[in-house]
Amino acid sequence: MIRHTVAFKLNHPAGSEAEQNFLDEARKLAAIPGVQNFECLKQISPKNPYDFGLSMEFASQERYDQYTNHPDHVQFVRQVWKTNVAEFLEIDYTPYAE
């Protein structure tokens, strides 16, 4: 299992129509095959500069790679992410086995 997470700050004012449009577009990523447990999250802690997060899981590295290369994801990154996101932190986790 892989948990893909990204925390981000947008170029738009809080509560703006542009902010909502971005989040609506981001939620469409949940429809890409292999995406499980998709969440669009709002940051509530002042401990970091990010305002939102996306979290999703994949059953395997193969499914994660398919998502990364899926045309809908590639288009989202190119046309939506790059033009709307001011800064971000991406972290991919897998369960830690002792």
PDB file of N, CA and C in Angstrom:
ATOM      1  N   MET A   1       0.840  -1.174   0.000  1.00  0.00           N
ATOM      2  CA  MET A   1       0.000   0.000   0.000  1.00  0.00           C
ATOM      3  C   MET A   1       0.887   1.239   0.000  1.00  0.00           C
ATOM      4  N   ILE A   2       0.501   2.211  -0.780  1.00  0.00           N
ATOM      5  CA  ILE A   2       1.177   3.507  -0.823  1.00  0.00           C
ATOM      6  C   ILE A   2       0.151   4.585  -0.503  1.00  0.00           C
ATOM      7  N   ARG A   3       0.493   5.457   0.419  1.00  0.00           N
ATOM      8  CA  ARG A   3      -0.342   6.622   0.714  1.00  0.00           C
ATOM      9  C   ARG A   3       0.371   7.843   0.137  1.00  0.00           C
ATOM     10  N   HIS A   4      -0.243   8.445  -0.849  1.00  0.00           N
ATOM     11  CA  HIS A   4       0.289   9.633  -1.540  1.00  0.00           C
ATOM     12  C   HIS A   4      -0.370  10.851  -0.916  1.00  0.00           C
ATOM     13  N   THR A   5       0.444  11.770  -0.409  1.00  0.00           N
ATOM     14  CA  THR A   5      -0.078  12.980   0.215  1.00  0.00           C
ATOM     15  C   THR A   5       0.642  14.197  -0.342  1.00  0.00           C
ATOM     16  N   VAL A   6      -0.078  15.278  -0.404  1.00  0.00           N
ATOM     17  CA  VAL A   6       0.522  16.549  -0.805  1.00  0.00           C
ATOM     18  C   VAL A   6      -0.171  17.668  -0.035  1.00  0.00           C
ATOM     19  N   ALA A   7       0.641  18.513   0.598  1.00  0.00           N
ATOM     20  CA  ALA A   7       0.141  19.709   1.275  1.00  0.00           C
ATOM     21  C   ALA A   7       0.499  20.886   0.379  1.00  0.00           C
ATOM     22  N   PHE A   8      -0.409  21.867   0.272  1.00  0.00           N
ATOM     23  CA  PHE A   8      -0.152  22.941  -0.678  1.00  0.00           C
ATOM     24  C   PHE A   8      -0.822  24.252  -0.278  1.00  0.00           C
ATOM     25  N   LYS A   9      -0.314  25.314  -0.860  1.00  0.00           N
ATOM     26  CA  LYS A   9      -0.845  26.663  -0.714  1.00  0.00           C
ATOM     27  C   LYS A   9      -1.150  27.160  -2.119  1.00  0.00           C
ATOM     28  N   LEU A  10      -2.319  27.765  -2.286  1.00  0.00           N
ATOM     29  CA  LEU A  10      -2.730  28.263  -3.594  1.00  0.00           C
ATOM     30  C   LEU A  10      -2.336  29.719  -3.799  1.00  0.00           C
ATOM     31  N   ASN A  11      -2.357  30.142  -5.044  1.00  0.00           N
ATOM     32  CA  ASN A  11      -2.091  31.531  -5.420  1.00  0.00           C
ATOM     33  C   ASN A  11      -3.307  32.427  -5.237  1.00  0.00           C
ATOM     34  N   HIS A  12      -4.400  31.899  -4.715  1.00  0.00           N
ATOM     35  CA  HIS A  12      -5.677  32.609  -4.682  1.00  0.00           C
ATOM     36  C   HIS A  12      -6.069  33.010  -3.263  1.00  0.00           C
ATOM     37  N   PRO A  13      -6.848  34.064  -3.126  1.00  0.00           N
ATOM     38  CA  PRO A  13      -7.346  34.453  -1.803  1.00  0.00           C
ATOM     39  C   PRO A  13      -8.246  33.362  -1.210  1.00  0.00           C
ATOM     40  N   ALA A  14      -8.182  33.223   0.108  1.00  0.00           N
ATOM     41  CA  ALA A  14      -9.026  32.252   0.802  1.00  0.00           C
ATOM     42  C   ALA A  14     -10.494  32.528   0.523  1.00  0.00           C
ATOM     43  N   GLY A  15     -11.225  31.476   0.205  1.00  0.00           N
ATOM     44  CA  GLY A  15     -12.653  31.597  -0.044  1.00  0.00           C
ATOM     45  C   GLY A  15     -13.030  32.105  -1.421  1.00  0.00           C
ATOM     46  N   SER A  16     -12.039  32.311  -2.274  1.00  0.00           N
ATOM     47  CA  SER A  16     -12.324  32.856  -3.605  1.00  0.00           C
ATOM     48  C   SER A  16     -12.910  31.795  -4.534  1.00  0.00           C
ATOM     49  N   GLU A  17     -13.511  32.267  -5.597  1.00  0.00           N
ATOM     50  CA  GLU A  17     -14.050  31.369  -6.620  1.00  0.00           C
ATOM     51  C   GLU A  17     -12.923  30.565  -7.261  1.00  0.00           C
ATOM     52  N   ALA A  18     -11.773  31.189  -7.469  1.00  0.00           N
ATOM     53  CA  ALA A  18     -10.624  30.496  -8.061  1.00  0.00           C
ATOM     54  C   ALA A  18     -10.152  29.359  -7.153  1.00  0.00           C
ATOM     55  N   GLU A  19     -10.150  29.591  -5.855  1.00  0.00           N
ATOM     56  CA  GLU A  19      -9.783  28.543  -4.898  1.00  0.00           C
ATOM     57  C   GLU A  19     -10.752  27.374  -5.012  1.00  0.00           C
ATOM     58  N   GLN A  20     -12.039  27.668  -5.021  1.00  0.00           N
ATOM     59  CA  GLN A  20     -13.052  26.613  -5.111  1.00  0.00           C
ATOM     60  C   GLN A  20     -12.949  25.855  -6.432  1.00  0.00           C
ATOM     61  N   ASN A  21     -12.692  26.558  -7.521  1.00  0.00           N
ATOM     62  CA  ASN A  21     -12.533  25.904  -8.821  1.00  0.00           C
ATOM     63  C   ASN A  21     -11.364  24.927  -8.805  1.00  0.00           C
ATOM     64  N   PHE A  22     -10.261  25.336  -8.200  1.00  0.00           N
ATOM     65  CA  PHE A  22      -9.106  24.437  -8.101  1.00  0.00           C
ATOM     66  C   PHE A  22      -9.470  23.175  -7.321  1.00  0.00           C
ATOM     67  N   LEU A  23     -10.096  23.345  -6.165  1.00  0.00           N
ATOM     68  CA  LEU A  23     -10.453  22.195  -5.334  1.00  0.00           C
ATOM     69  C   LEU A  23     -11.441  21.274  -6.047  1.00  0.00           C
ATOM     70  N   ASP A  24     -12.363  21.840  -6.793  1.00  0.00           N
ATOM     71  CA  ASP A  24     -13.296  21.029  -7.581  1.00  0.00           C
ATOM     72  C   ASP A  24     -12.551  20.195  -8.618  1.00  0.00           C
ATOM     73  N   GLU A  25     -11.578  20.803  -9.280  1.00  0.00           N
ATOM     74  CA  GLU A  25     -10.778  20.082 -10.272  1.00  0.00           C
ATOM     75  C   GLU A  25      -9.943  18.991  -9.597  1.00  0.00           C
ATOM     76  N   ALA A  26      -9.375  19.292  -8.442  1.00  0.00           N
ATOM     77  CA  ALA A  26      -8.556  18.315  -7.723  1.00  0.00           C
ATOM     78  C   ALA A  26      -9.371  17.091  -7.324  1.00  0.00           C
ATOM     79  N   ARG A  27     -10.613  17.303  -6.940  1.00  0.00           N
ATOM     80  CA  ARG A  27     -11.470  16.175  -6.518  1.00  0.00           C
ATOM     81  C   ARG A  27     -11.728  15.193  -7.665  1.00  0.00           C
ATOM     82  N   LYS A  28     -11.594  15.642  -8.879  1.00  0.00           N
ATOM     83  CA  LYS A  28     -11.803  14.761 -10.034  1.00  0.00           C
ATOM     84  C   LYS A  28     -10.720  13.686 -10.128  1.00  0.00           C
ATOM     85  N   LEU A  29      -9.594  13.896  -9.460  1.00  0.00           N
ATOM     86  CA  LEU A  29      -8.522  12.893  -9.463  1.00  0.00           C
ATOM     87  C   LEU A  29      -8.988  11.588  -8.829  1.00  0.00           C
ATOM     88  N   ALA A  30      -9.979  11.649  -7.976  1.00  0.00           N
ATOM     89  CA  ALA A  30     -10.498  10.455  -7.304  1.00  0.00           C
ATOM     90  C   ALA A  30     -11.065   9.433  -8.292  1.00  0.00           C
ATOM     91  N   ALA A  31     -11.438   9.880  -9.478  1.00  0.00           N
ATOM     92  CA  ALA A  31     -12.037   8.989 -10.480  1.00  0.00           C
ATOM     93  C   ALA A  31     -11.000   8.206 -11.279  1.00  0.00           C
ATOM     94  N   ILE A  32      -9.738   8.536 -11.126  1.00  0.00           N
ATOM     95  CA  ILE A  32      -8.695   7.826 -11.869  1.00  0.00           C
ATOM     96  C   ILE A  32      -8.585   6.406 -11.321  1.00  0.00           C
ATOM     97  N   PRO A  33      -8.547   5.407 -12.191  1.00  0.00           N
ATOM     98  CA  PRO A  33      -8.464   4.018 -11.730  1.00  0.00           C
ATOM     99  C   PRO A  33      -7.279   3.795 -10.788  1.00  0.00           C
ATOM    100  N   GLY A  34      -7.546   3.056  -9.714  1.00  0.00           N
ATOM    101  CA  GLY A  34      -6.512   2.724  -8.739  1.00  0.00           C
ATOM    102  C   GLY A  34      -6.501   3.626  -7.518  1.00  0.00           C
ATOM    103  N   VAL A  35      -7.133   4.791  -7.606  1.00  0.00           N
ATOM    104  CA  VAL A  35      -7.179   5.717  -6.469  1.00  0.00           C
ATOM    105  C   VAL A  35      -8.165   5.179  -5.433  1.00  0.00           C
ATOM    106  N   GLN A  36      -7.705   5.084  -4.192  1.00  0.00           N
ATOM    107  CA  GLN A  36      -8.556   4.640  -3.089  1.00  0.00           C
ATOM    108  C   GLN A  36      -8.485   5.671  -1.967  1.00  0.00           C
ATOM    109  N   ASN A  37      -9.537   5.777  -1.208  1.00  0.00           N
ATOM    110  CA  ASN A  37      -9.573   6.615   0.002  1.00  0.00           C
ATOM    111  C   ASN A  37      -9.117   8.051  -0.263  1.00  0.00           C
ATOM    112  N   PHE A  38      -9.587   8.626  -1.345  1.00  0.00           N
ATOM    113  CA  PHE A  38      -9.232   9.999  -1.708  1.00  0.00           C
ATOM    114  C   PHE A  38      -9.844  10.981  -0.715  1.00  0.00           C
ATOM    115  N   GLU A  39      -9.044  11.955  -0.285  1.00  0.00           N
ATOM    116  CA  GLU A  39      -9.533  13.020   0.585  1.00  0.00           C
ATOM    117  C   GLU A  39      -8.954  14.354   0.140  1.00  0.00           C
ATOM    118  N   CYS A  40      -9.781  15.370   0.158  1.00  0.00           N
ATOM    119  CA  CYS A  40      -9.361  16.755  -0.033  1.00  0.00           C
ATOM    120  C   CYS A  40      -9.495  17.395   1.347  1.00  0.00           C
ATOM    121  N   LEU A  41      -8.392  17.920   1.876  1.00  0.00           N
ATOM    122  CA  LEU A  41      -8.325  18.332   3.276  1.00  0.00           C
ATOM    123  C   LEU A  41      -8.000  19.808   3.424  1.00  0.00           C
ATOM    124  N   LYS A  42      -8.507  20.415   4.496  1.00  0.00           N
ATOM    125  CA  LYS A  42      -8.206  21.802   4.823  1.00  0.00           C
ATOM    126  C   LYS A  42      -7.340  21.819   6.079  1.00  0.00           C
ATOM    127  N   GLN A  43      -6.235  22.510   6.006  1.00  0.00           N
ATOM    128  CA  GLN A  43      -5.297  22.636   7.125  1.00  0.00           C
ATOM    129  C   GLN A  43      -5.918  23.483   8.239  1.00  0.00           C
ATOM    130  N   ILE A  44      -5.784  23.048   9.485  1.00  0.00           N
ATOM    131  CA  ILE A  44      -6.317  23.825  10.600  1.00  0.00           C
ATOM    132  C   ILE A  44      -5.221  24.252  11.579  1.00  0.00           C
ATOM    133  N   SER A  45      -4.005  23.814  11.354  1.00  0.00           N
ATOM    134  CA  SER A  45      -2.903  24.142  12.258  1.00  0.00           C
ATOM    135  C   SER A  45      -2.059  25.286  11.704  1.00  0.00           C
ATOM    136  N   PRO A  46      -1.606  26.190  12.560  1.00  0.00           N
ATOM    137  CA  PRO A  46      -0.736  27.277  12.107  1.00  0.00           C
ATOM    138  C   PRO A  46       0.742  26.857  12.043  1.00  0.00           C
ATOM    139  N   LYS A  47       1.037  25.580  12.189  1.00  0.00           N
ATOM    140  CA  LYS A  47       2.419  25.101  12.275  1.00  0.00           C
ATOM    141  C   LYS A  47       3.150  25.027  10.945  1.00  0.00           C
ATOM    142  N   ASN A  48       2.460  25.214   9.837  1.00  0.00           N
ATOM    143  CA  ASN A  48       3.118  25.183   8.536  1.00  0.00           C
ATOM    144  C   ASN A  48       2.419  26.165   7.588  1.00  0.00           C
ATOM    145  N   PRO A  49       3.023  26.454   6.447  1.00  0.00           N
ATOM    146  CA  PRO A  49       2.461  27.473   5.557  1.00  0.00           C
ATOM    147  C   PRO A  49       1.392  26.977   4.592  1.00  0.00           C
ATOM    148  N   TYR A  50       1.023  25.699   4.662  1.00  0.00           N
ATOM    149  CA  TYR A  50       0.097  25.132   3.693  1.00  0.00           C
ATOM    150  C   TYR A  50      -1.346  25.262   4.157  1.00  0.00           C
ATOM    151  N   ASP A  51      -2.255  25.408   3.206  1.00  0.00           N
ATOM    152  CA  ASP A  51      -3.670  25.589   3.515  1.00  0.00           C
ATOM    153  C   ASP A  51      -4.525  24.358   3.253  1.00  0.00           C
ATOM    154  N   PHE A  52      -4.090  23.511   2.344  1.00  0.00           N
ATOM    155  CA  PHE A  52      -4.886  22.356   1.928  1.00  0.00           C
ATOM    156  C   PHE A  52      -4.005  21.121   1.787  1.00  0.00           C
ATOM    157  N   GLY A  53      -4.667  19.980   1.688  1.00  0.00           N
ATOM    158  CA  GLY A  53      -3.960  18.737   1.437  1.00  0.00           C
ATOM    159  C   GLY A  53      -4.809  17.805   0.594  1.00  0.00           C
ATOM    160  N   LEU A  54      -4.132  16.934  -0.114  1.00  0.00           N
ATOM    161  CA  LEU A  54      -4.778  15.826  -0.817  1.00  0.00           C
ATOM    162  C   LEU A  54      -4.135  14.553  -0.294  1.00  0.00           C
ATOM    163  N   SER A  55      -4.939  13.541  -0.098  1.00  0.00           N
ATOM    164  CA  SER A  55      -4.438  12.253   0.359  1.00  0.00           C
ATOM    165  C   SER A  55      -5.182  11.164  -0.393  1.00  0.00           C
ATOM    166  N   MET A  56      -4.445  10.158  -0.803  1.00  0.00           N
ATOM    167  CA  MET A  56      -5.053   9.018  -1.500  1.00  0.00           C
ATOM    168  C   MET A  56      -4.157   7.806  -1.318  1.00  0.00           C
ATOM    169  N   GLU A  57      -4.728   6.646  -1.533  1.00  0.00           N
ATOM    170  CA  GLU A  57      -3.976   5.413  -1.372  1.00  0.00           C
ATOM    171  C   GLU A  57      -4.025   4.594  -2.650  1.00  0.00           C
ATOM    172  N   PHE A  58      -2.990   3.767  -2.795  1.00  0.00           N
ATOM    173  CA  PHE A  58      -2.866   2.860  -3.932  1.00  0.00           C
ATOM    174  C   PHE A  58      -2.467   1.487  -3.411  1.00  0.00           C
ATOM    175  N   ALA A  59      -3.010   0.458  -4.006  1.00  0.00           N
ATOM    176  CA  ALA A  59      -2.759  -0.905  -3.551  1.00  0.00           C
ATOM    177  C   ALA A  59      -1.324  -1.352  -3.803  1.00  0.00           C
ATOM    178  N   SER A  60      -0.656  -0.737  -4.783  1.00  0.00           N
ATOM    179  CA  SER A  60       0.692  -1.181  -5.137  1.00  0.00           C
ATOM    180  C   SER A  60       1.456  -0.062  -5.842  1.00  0.00           C
ATOM    181  N   GLN A  61       2.748  -0.267  -5.984  1.00  0.00           N
ATOM    182  CA  GLN A  61       3.566   0.688  -6.726  1.00  0.00           C
ATOM    183  C   GLN A  61       3.107   0.768  -8.179  1.00  0.00           C
ATOM    184  N   GLU A  62       2.700  -0.355  -8.731  1.00  0.00           N
ATOM    185  CA  GLU A  62       2.205  -0.374 -10.112  1.00  0.00           C
ATOM    186  C   GLU A  62       0.976   0.519 -10.279  1.00  0.00           C
ATOM    187  N   ARG A  63       0.040   0.439  -9.337  1.00  0.00           N
ATOM    188  CA  ARG A  63      -1.173   1.267  -9.412  1.00  0.00           C
ATOM    189  C   ARG A  63      -0.822   2.754  -9.244  1.00  0.00           C
ATOM    190  N   TYR A  64       0.138   3.045  -8.371  1.00  0.00           N
ATOM    191  CA  TYR A  64       0.579   4.424  -8.176  1.00  0.00           C
ATOM    192  C   TYR A  64       1.226   4.960  -9.455  1.00  0.00           C
ATOM    193  N   ASP A  65       2.058   4.150 -10.086  1.00  0.00           N
ATOM    194  CA  ASP A  65       2.700   4.557 -11.342  1.00  0.00           C
ATOM    195  C   ASP A  65       1.666   4.777 -12.440  1.00  0.00           C
ATOM    196  N   GLN A  66       0.641   3.932 -12.495  1.00  0.00           N
ATOM    197  CA  GLN A  66      -0.421   4.109 -13.482  1.00  0.00           C
ATOM    198  C   GLN A  66      -1.152   5.422 -13.259  1.00  0.00           C
ATOM    199  N   TYR A  67      -1.405   5.763 -12.004  1.00  0.00           N
ATOM    200  CA  TYR A  67      -2.040   7.040 -11.664  1.00  0.00           C
ATOM    201  C   TYR A  67      -1.153   8.206 -12.110  1.00  0.00           C
ATOM    202  N   THR A  68       0.111   8.133 -11.758  1.00  0.00           N
ATOM    203  CA  THR A  68       1.045   9.217 -12.090  1.00  0.00           C
ATOM    204  C   THR A  68       1.078   9.487 -13.589  1.00  0.00           C
ATOM    205  N   ASN A  69       1.005   8.446 -14.381  1.00  0.00           N
ATOM    206  CA  ASN A  69       1.092   8.575 -15.830  1.00  0.00           C
ATOM    207  C   ASN A  69      -0.260   8.643 -16.530  1.00  0.00           C
ATOM    208  N   HIS A  70      -1.338   8.582 -15.785  1.00  0.00           N
ATOM    209  CA  HIS A  70      -2.679   8.626 -16.379  1.00  0.00           C
ATOM    210  C   HIS A  70      -2.888   9.988 -17.051  1.00  0.00           C
ATOM    211  N   PRO A  71      -3.474  10.017 -18.251  1.00  0.00           N
ATOM    212  CA  PRO A  71      -3.675  11.284 -18.966  1.00  0.00           C
ATOM    213  C   PRO A  71      -4.429  12.348 -18.164  1.00  0.00           C
ATOM    214  N   ASP A  72      -5.401  11.942 -17.342  1.00  0.00           N
ATOM    215  CA  ASP A  72      -6.143  12.925 -16.543  1.00  0.00           C
ATOM    216  C   ASP A  72      -5.255  13.565 -15.482  1.00  0.00           C
ATOM    217  N   HIS A  73      -4.372  12.771 -14.881  1.00  0.00           N
ATOM    218  CA  HIS A  73      -3.443  13.311 -13.883  1.00  0.00           C
ATOM    219  C   HIS A  73      -2.412  14.212 -14.548  1.00  0.00           C
ATOM    220  N   VAL A  74      -1.856  13.777 -15.657  1.00  0.00           N
ATOM    221  CA  VAL A  74      -0.862  14.568 -16.387  1.00  0.00           C
ATOM    222  C   VAL A  74      -1.462  15.914 -16.797  1.00  0.00           C
ATOM    223  N   GLN A  75      -2.679  15.890 -17.303  1.00  0.00           N
ATOM    224  CA  GLN A  75      -3.352  17.127 -17.715  1.00  0.00           C
ATOM    225  C   GLN A  75      -3.624  18.027 -16.509  1.00  0.00           C
ATOM    226  N   PHE A  76      -4.060  17.441 -15.397  1.00  0.00           N
ATOM    227  CA  PHE A  76      -4.310  18.221 -14.186  1.00  0.00           C
ATOM    228  C   PHE A  76      -3.038  18.937 -13.735  1.00  0.00           C
ATOM    229  N   VAL A  77      -1.932  18.220 -13.692  1.00  0.00           N
ATOM    230  CA  VAL A  77      -0.668  18.827 -13.261  1.00  0.00           C
ATOM    231  C   VAL A  77      -0.282  19.958 -14.200  1.00  0.00           C
ATOM    232  N   ARG A  78      -0.368  19.713 -15.468  1.00  0.00           N
ATOM    233  CA  ARG A  78       0.064  20.695 -16.469  1.00  0.00           C
ATOM    234  C   ARG A  78      -0.842  21.928 -16.504  1.00  0.00           C
ATOM    235  N   GLN A  79      -2.143  21.714 -16.500  1.00  0.00           N
ATOM    236  CA  GLN A  79      -3.075  22.817 -16.738  1.00  0.00           C
ATOM    237  C   GLN A  79      -3.671  23.435 -15.471  1.00  0.00           C
ATOM    238  N   VAL A  80      -3.694  22.699 -14.380  1.00  0.00           N
ATOM    239  CA  VAL A  80      -4.345  23.199 -13.173  1.00  0.00           C
ATOM    240  C   VAL A  80      -3.327  23.414 -12.045  1.00  0.00           C
ATOM    241  N   TRP A  81      -2.595  22.372 -11.721  1.00  0.00           N
ATOM    242  CA  TRP A  81      -1.652  22.435 -10.589  1.00  0.00           C
ATOM    243  C   TRP A  81      -0.600  23.526 -10.788  1.00  0.00           C
ATOM    244  N   LYS A  82       0.101  23.475 -11.882  1.00  0.00           N
ATOM    245  CA  LYS A  82       1.220  24.395 -12.103  1.00  0.00           C
ATOM    246  C   LYS A  82       0.807  25.860 -12.161  1.00  0.00           C
ATOM    247  N   THR A  83      -0.425  26.137 -12.526  1.00  0.00           N
ATOM    248  CA  THR A  83      -0.870  27.528 -12.649  1.00  0.00           C
ATOM    249  C   THR A  83      -1.565  28.055 -11.394  1.00  0.00           C
ATOM    250  N   ASN A  84      -1.851  27.180 -10.429  1.00  0.00           N
ATOM    251  CA  ASN A  84      -2.612  27.582  -9.253  1.00  0.00           C
ATOM    252  C   ASN A  84      -1.889  27.413  -7.914  1.00  0.00           C
ATOM    253  N   VAL A  85      -0.877  26.564  -7.866  1.00  0.00           N
ATOM    254  CA  VAL A  85      -0.231  26.228  -6.601  1.00  0.00           C
ATOM    255  C   VAL A  85       1.021  27.081  -6.396  1.00  0.00           C
ATOM    256  N   ALA A  86       1.068  27.761  -5.245  1.00  0.00           N
ATOM    257  CA  ALA A  86       2.200  28.628  -4.914  1.00  0.00           C
ATOM    258  C   ALA A  86       3.364  27.818  -4.355  1.00  0.00           C
ATOM    259  N   GLU A  87       3.079  26.866  -3.476  1.00  0.00           N
ATOM    260  CA  GLU A  87       4.109  26.006  -2.902  1.00  0.00           C
ATOM    261  C   GLU A  87       3.462  24.726  -2.401  1.00  0.00           C
ATOM    262  N   PHE A  88       4.277  23.660  -2.301  1.00  0.00           N
ATOM    263  CA  PHE A  88       3.720  22.387  -1.858  1.00  0.00           C
ATOM    264  C   PHE A  88       4.800  21.493  -1.283  1.00  0.00           C
ATOM    265  N   LEU A  89       4.349  20.469  -0.582  1.00  0.00           N
ATOM    266  CA  LEU A  89       5.197  19.424  -0.040  1.00  0.00           C
ATOM    267  C   LEU A  89       4.512  18.100  -0.342  1.00  0.00           C
ATOM    268  N   GLU A  90       5.200  17.238  -1.059  1.00  0.00           N
ATOM    269  CA  GLU A  90       4.645  15.934  -1.433  1.00  0.00           C
ATOM    270  C   GLU A  90       5.367  14.849  -0.652  1.00  0.00           C
ATOM    271  N   ILE A  91       4.592  13.943  -0.052  1.00  0.00           N
ATOM    272  CA  ILE A  91       5.156  12.829   0.703  1.00  0.00           C
ATOM    273  C   ILE A  91       4.401  11.566   0.336  1.00  0.00           C
ATOM    274  N   ASP A  92       5.142  10.513   0.042  1.00  0.00           N
ATOM    275  CA  ASP A  92       4.544   9.207  -0.244  1.00  0.00           C
ATOM    276  C   ASP A  92       5.002   8.242   0.832  1.00  0.00           C
ATOM    277  N   TYR A  93       4.037   7.575   1.445  1.00  0.00           N
ATOM    278  CA  TYR A  93       4.308   6.651   2.554  1.00  0.00           C
ATOM    279  C   TYR A  93       3.955   5.224   2.164  1.00  0.00           C
ATOM    280  N   THR A  94       4.629   4.304   2.813  1.00  0.00           N
ATOM    281  CA  THR A  94       4.239   2.913   2.792  1.00  0.00           C
ATOM    282  C   THR A  94       4.323   2.440   4.238  1.00  0.00           C
ATOM    283  N   PRO A  95       3.533   1.467   4.656  1.00  0.00           N
ATOM    284  CA  PRO A  95       3.597   1.025   6.054  1.00  0.00           C
ATOM    285  C   PRO A  95       5.013   0.584   6.441  1.00  0.00           C
ATOM    286  N   TYR A  96       5.408   0.990   7.611  1.00  0.00           N
ATOM    287  CA  TYR A  96       6.721   0.640   8.149  1.00  0.00           C
ATOM    288  C   TYR A  96       6.637  -0.707   8.839  1.00  0.00           C
ATOM    289  N   ALA A  97       7.486  -1.618   8.422  1.00  0.00           N
ATOM    290  CA  ALA A  97       7.531  -2.949   9.037  1.00  0.00           C
ATOM    291  C   ALA A  97       8.769  -3.055   9.903  1.00  0.00           C
ATOM    292  N   GLU A  98       8.586  -3.377  11.151  1.00  0.00           N
ATOM    293  CA  GLU A  98       9.730  -3.520  12.066  1.00  0.00           C
ATOM    294  C   GLU A  98      10.353  -4.868  11.943  1.00  0.00           C
TER     295      GLU A  98
END
